[in-house]
C-alpha atoms as a PDB file:
ATOM      1  CA  MET A   1      39.167-107.037  34.887  1.00  0.00           C
ATOM      2  CA  SER A   2      35.783-105.378  34.168  1.00  0.00           C
ATOM      3  CA  ASP A   3      35.950-103.215  37.013  1.00  0.00           C
ATOM      4  CA  HIS A   4      39.561-101.156  35.597  1.00  0.00           C
ATOM      5  CA  ALA A   5      37.046-100.935  32.269  1.00  0.00           C
ATOM      6  CA  HIS A   6      33.978 -99.299  34.498  1.00  0.00           C
ATOM      7  CA  THR A   7      36.484 -97.285  36.129  1.00  0.00           C
ATOM      8  CA  GLU A   8      37.989 -95.288  33.309  1.00  0.00           C
ATOM      9  CA  HIS A   9      34.446 -94.757  31.340  1.00  0.00           C
ATOM     10  CA  GLY A  10      33.685 -92.934  34.778  1.00  0.00           C
ATOM     11  CA  HIS A  11      36.580 -90.644  34.545  1.00  0.00           C
ATOM     12  CA  GLY A  12      36.041 -89.903  30.369  1.00  0.00           C
ATOM     13  CA  GLU A  13      32.068 -88.879  31.662  1.00  0.00           C
ATOM     14  CA  HIS A  14      33.680 -85.937  33.382  1.00  0.00           C
ATOM     15  CA  GLU A  15      36.366 -84.508  31.729  1.00  0.00           C
ATOM     16  CA  GLY A  16      34.552 -80.944  30.671  1.00  0.00           C
ATOM     17  CA  LEU A  17      35.120 -80.367  34.562  1.00  0.00           C
ATOM     18  CA  SER A  18      38.896 -79.311  34.797  1.00  0.00           C
ATOM     19  CA  LYS A  19      40.443 -76.833  37.647  1.00  0.00           C
ATOM     20  CA  LYS A  20      39.956 -74.237  35.536  1.00  0.00           C
ATOM     21  CA  LYS A  21      36.192 -74.996  34.555  1.00  0.00           C
ATOM     22  CA  ILE A  22      35.420 -75.396  38.453  1.00  0.00           C
ATOM     23  CA  TRP A  23      37.716 -71.129  39.254  1.00  0.00           C
ATOM     24  CA  GLN A  24      35.100 -70.152  36.167  1.00  0.00           C
ATOM     25  CA  VAL A  25      31.892 -71.144  37.877  1.00  0.00           C
ATOM     26  CA  PHE A  26      32.991 -69.938  40.844  1.00  0.00           C
ATOM     27  CA  GLY A  27      33.884 -66.566  39.500  1.00  0.00           C
ATOM     28  CA  ILE A  28      30.472 -66.294  37.750  1.00  0.00           C
ATOM     29  CA  LEU A  29      28.445 -67.057  40.900  1.00  0.00           C
ATOM     30  CA  LEU A  30      31.104 -64.690  42.799  1.00  0.00           C
ATOM     31  CA  LEU A  31      30.112 -62.189  40.197  1.00  0.00           C
ATOM     32  CA  ILE A  32      26.413 -62.909  40.628  1.00  0.00           C
ATOM     33  CA  THR A  33      26.738 -62.597  44.219  1.00  0.00           C
ATOM     34  CA  LEU A  34      28.342 -59.688  44.238  1.00  0.00           C
ATOM     35  CA  ILE A  35      25.422 -57.916  41.700  1.00  0.00           C
ATOM     36  CA  GLU A  36      23.317 -58.852  44.308  1.00  0.00           C
ATOM     37  CA  PHE A  37      25.201 -57.216  47.676  1.00  0.00           C
ATOM     38  CA  PHE A  38      25.323 -53.652  44.767  1.00  0.00           C
ATOM     39  CA  ILE A  39      21.481 -53.913  43.978  1.00  0.00           C
ATOM     40  CA  ALA A  40      20.924 -54.966  48.272  1.00  0.00           C
ATOM     41  CA  LEU A  41      23.201 -52.295  49.518  1.00  0.00           C
ATOM     42  CA  TRP A  42      23.310 -49.094  47.016  1.00  0.00           C
ATOM     43  CA  VAL A  43      20.597 -49.491  44.591  1.00  0.00           C
ATOM     44  CA  LEU A  44      17.448 -50.120  46.136  1.00  0.00           C
ATOM     45  CA  PRO A  45      18.263 -48.191  49.395  1.00  0.00           C
ATOM     46  CA  HIS A  46      19.597 -44.894  46.891  1.00  0.00           C
ATOM     47  CA  GLY A  47      15.885 -45.425  45.342  1.00  0.00           C
ATOM     48  CA  TYR A  48      17.279 -46.270  41.433  1.00  0.00           C
ATOM     49  CA  MET A  49      15.284 -49.716  41.133  1.00  0.00           C
ATOM     50  CA  SER A  50      11.519 -50.183  42.481  1.00  0.00           C
ATOM     51  CA  HIS A  51      12.045 -52.755  45.072  1.00  0.00           C
ATOM     52  CA  GLY A  52       9.358 -54.567  43.314  1.00  0.00           C
ATOM     53  CA  PHE A  53      11.892 -54.784  40.402  1.00  0.00           C
ATOM     54  CA  GLY A  54      14.588 -55.494  42.635  1.00  0.00           C
ATOM     55  CA  ASN A  55      12.858 -58.925  44.067  1.00  0.00           C
ATOM     56  CA  PHE A  56      12.693 -59.837  40.398  1.00  0.00           C
ATOM     57  CA  VAL A  57      15.948 -59.287  39.672  1.00  0.00           C
ATOM     58  CA  TYR A  58      17.187 -61.052  42.559  1.00  0.00           C
ATOM     59  CA  ILE A  59      14.874 -63.965  42.044  1.00  0.00           C
ATOM     60  CA  ALA A  60      16.310 -64.241  38.565  1.00  0.00           C
ATOM     61  CA  LEU A  61      19.873 -64.132  39.684  1.00  0.00           C
ATOM     62  CA  THR A  62      19.082 -66.500  42.301  1.00  0.00           C
ATOM     63  CA  LEU A  63      17.829 -69.029  39.682  1.00  0.00           C
ATOM     64  CA  LEU A  64      20.877 -68.404  37.335  1.00  0.00           C
ATOM     65  CA  LYS A  65      23.104 -69.829  40.226  1.00  0.00           C
ATOM     66  CA  ALA A  66      21.327 -72.842  40.615  1.00  0.00           C
ATOM     67  CA  PHE A  67      21.585 -73.191  37.357  1.00  0.00           C
ATOM     68  CA  TYR A  68      25.734 -72.812  37.469  1.00  0.00           C
ATOM     69  CA  ILE A  69      25.670 -75.105  41.018  1.00  0.00           C
ATOM     70  CA  VAL A  70      23.183 -77.725  39.890  1.00  0.00           C
ATOM     71  CA  ALA A  71      24.943 -77.845  36.178  1.00  0.00           C
ATOM     72  CA  TYR A  72      29.131 -78.079  37.211  1.00  0.00           C
ATOM     73  CA  PHE A  73      28.926 -78.448  40.855  1.00  0.00           C
ATOM     74  CA  MET A  74      26.094 -81.578  40.881  1.00  0.00           C
ATOM     75  CA  HIS A  75      27.199 -82.569  37.752  1.00  0.00           C
ATOM     76  CA  LEU A  76      23.789 -82.745  35.985  1.00  0.00           C
ATOM     77  CA  LYS A  77      25.288 -80.635  32.936  1.00  0.00           C
ATOM     78  CA  TYR A  78      26.797 -84.283  31.810  1.00  0.00           C
ATOM     79  CA  GLU A  79      24.008 -86.062  32.323  1.00  0.00           C
ATOM     80  CA  LYS A  80      22.008 -87.677  29.332  1.00  0.00           C
ATOM     81  CA  LEU A  81      19.346 -85.198  28.263  1.00  0.00           C
ATOM     82  CA  GLY A  82      15.767 -87.114  29.248  1.00  0.00           C
ATOM     83  CA  LEU A  83      17.505 -87.436  33.204  1.00  0.00           C
ATOM     84  CA  GLN A  84      18.197 -83.225  32.613  1.00  0.00           C
ATOM     85  CA  LEU A  85      14.364 -82.835  31.000  1.00  0.00           C
ATOM     86  CA  ALA A  86      12.845 -84.905  33.444  1.00  0.00           C
ATOM     87  CA  LEU A  87      14.488 -83.149  36.686  1.00  0.00           C
ATOM     88  CA  THR A  88      13.846 -79.556  34.662  1.00  0.00           C
ATOM     89  CA  VAL A  89      10.226 -80.306  34.392  1.00  0.00           C
ATOM     90  CA  SER A  90       9.310 -81.800  37.754  1.00  0.00           C
ATOM     91  CA  PHE A  91      10.807 -78.576  39.782  1.00  0.00           C
ATOM     92  CA  ILE A  92       8.802 -76.110  36.844  1.00  0.00           C
ATOM     93  CA  PHE A  93       5.844 -78.335  38.351  1.00  0.00           C
ATOM     94  CA  ILE A  94       6.682 -77.857  41.613  1.00  0.00           C
ATOM     95  CA  PHE A  95       7.248 -73.791  41.471  1.00  0.00           C
ATOM     96  CA  TYR A  96       4.455 -73.617  39.618  1.00  0.00           C
ATOM     97  CA  PHE A  97       2.059 -75.781  42.149  1.00  0.00           C
ATOM     98  CA  THR A  98       3.836 -73.773  45.358  1.00  0.00           C
ATOM     99  CA  THR A  99       2.629 -70.379  43.580  1.00  0.00           C
ATOM    100  CA  LEU A 100      -0.491 -71.461  43.137  1.00  0.00           C
ATOM    101  CA  MET A 101      -0.989 -72.628  46.774  1.00  0.00           C
ATOM    102  CA  LEU A 102       0.201 -69.623  48.347  1.00  0.00           C
ATOM    103  CA  ILE A 103      -1.874 -67.240  45.924  1.00  0.00           C
ATOM    104  CA  GLU A 104      -4.508 -69.449  46.997  1.00  0.00           C
ATOM    105  CA  GLY A 105      -3.792 -69.492  50.298  1.00  0.00           C
ATOM    106  CA  GLY A 106      -3.621 -65.576  50.258  1.00  0.00           C
ATOM    107  CA  TYR A 107      -7.325 -65.692  48.659  1.00  0.00           C
ATOM    108  CA  LEU A 108      -8.932 -67.073  51.492  1.00  0.00           C
ATOM    109  CA  HIS A 109      -7.049 -65.174  54.070  1.00  0.00           C
ATOM    110  CA  LEU A 110      -8.416 -61.944  52.303  1.00  0.00           C
ATOM    111  CA  HIS A 111     -12.041 -63.537  51.376  1.00  0.00           C
ATOM    112  CA  MET A 112     -13.086 -65.665  54.128  1.00  0.00           C
ATOM    113  CA  PRO A 113     -14.298 -64.211  57.655  1.00  0.00           C
ATOM    114  CA  LEU A 114     -12.619 -65.209  60.637  1.00  0.00           C
ATOM    115  CA  VAL A 115     -14.670 -67.063  63.072  1.00  0.00           C
END
């Protein structure tokens, strides 16, 4: 009997993820991907945008797609705020430290003589 009650509670937590919502998120991901392809195949080759700014746009669009995938398909949107914050802060620090290591590695490569 308690298993049945637990099962009903589990379904109630994720009521917001309907077929309609899944298709909406799919459409958003498809639109973002089409924008990325448009930038890569038409905007950048014709010189309407610099490659540096193009890379920034790619990173921003990729992070937006990652948010939608994690939030809806991995159900993080339906988790408690504490878990959301813990995961978000952890990934920010991982990204920050990876960036620092890449910068520092480039510094050592440029300023240390080869033996």
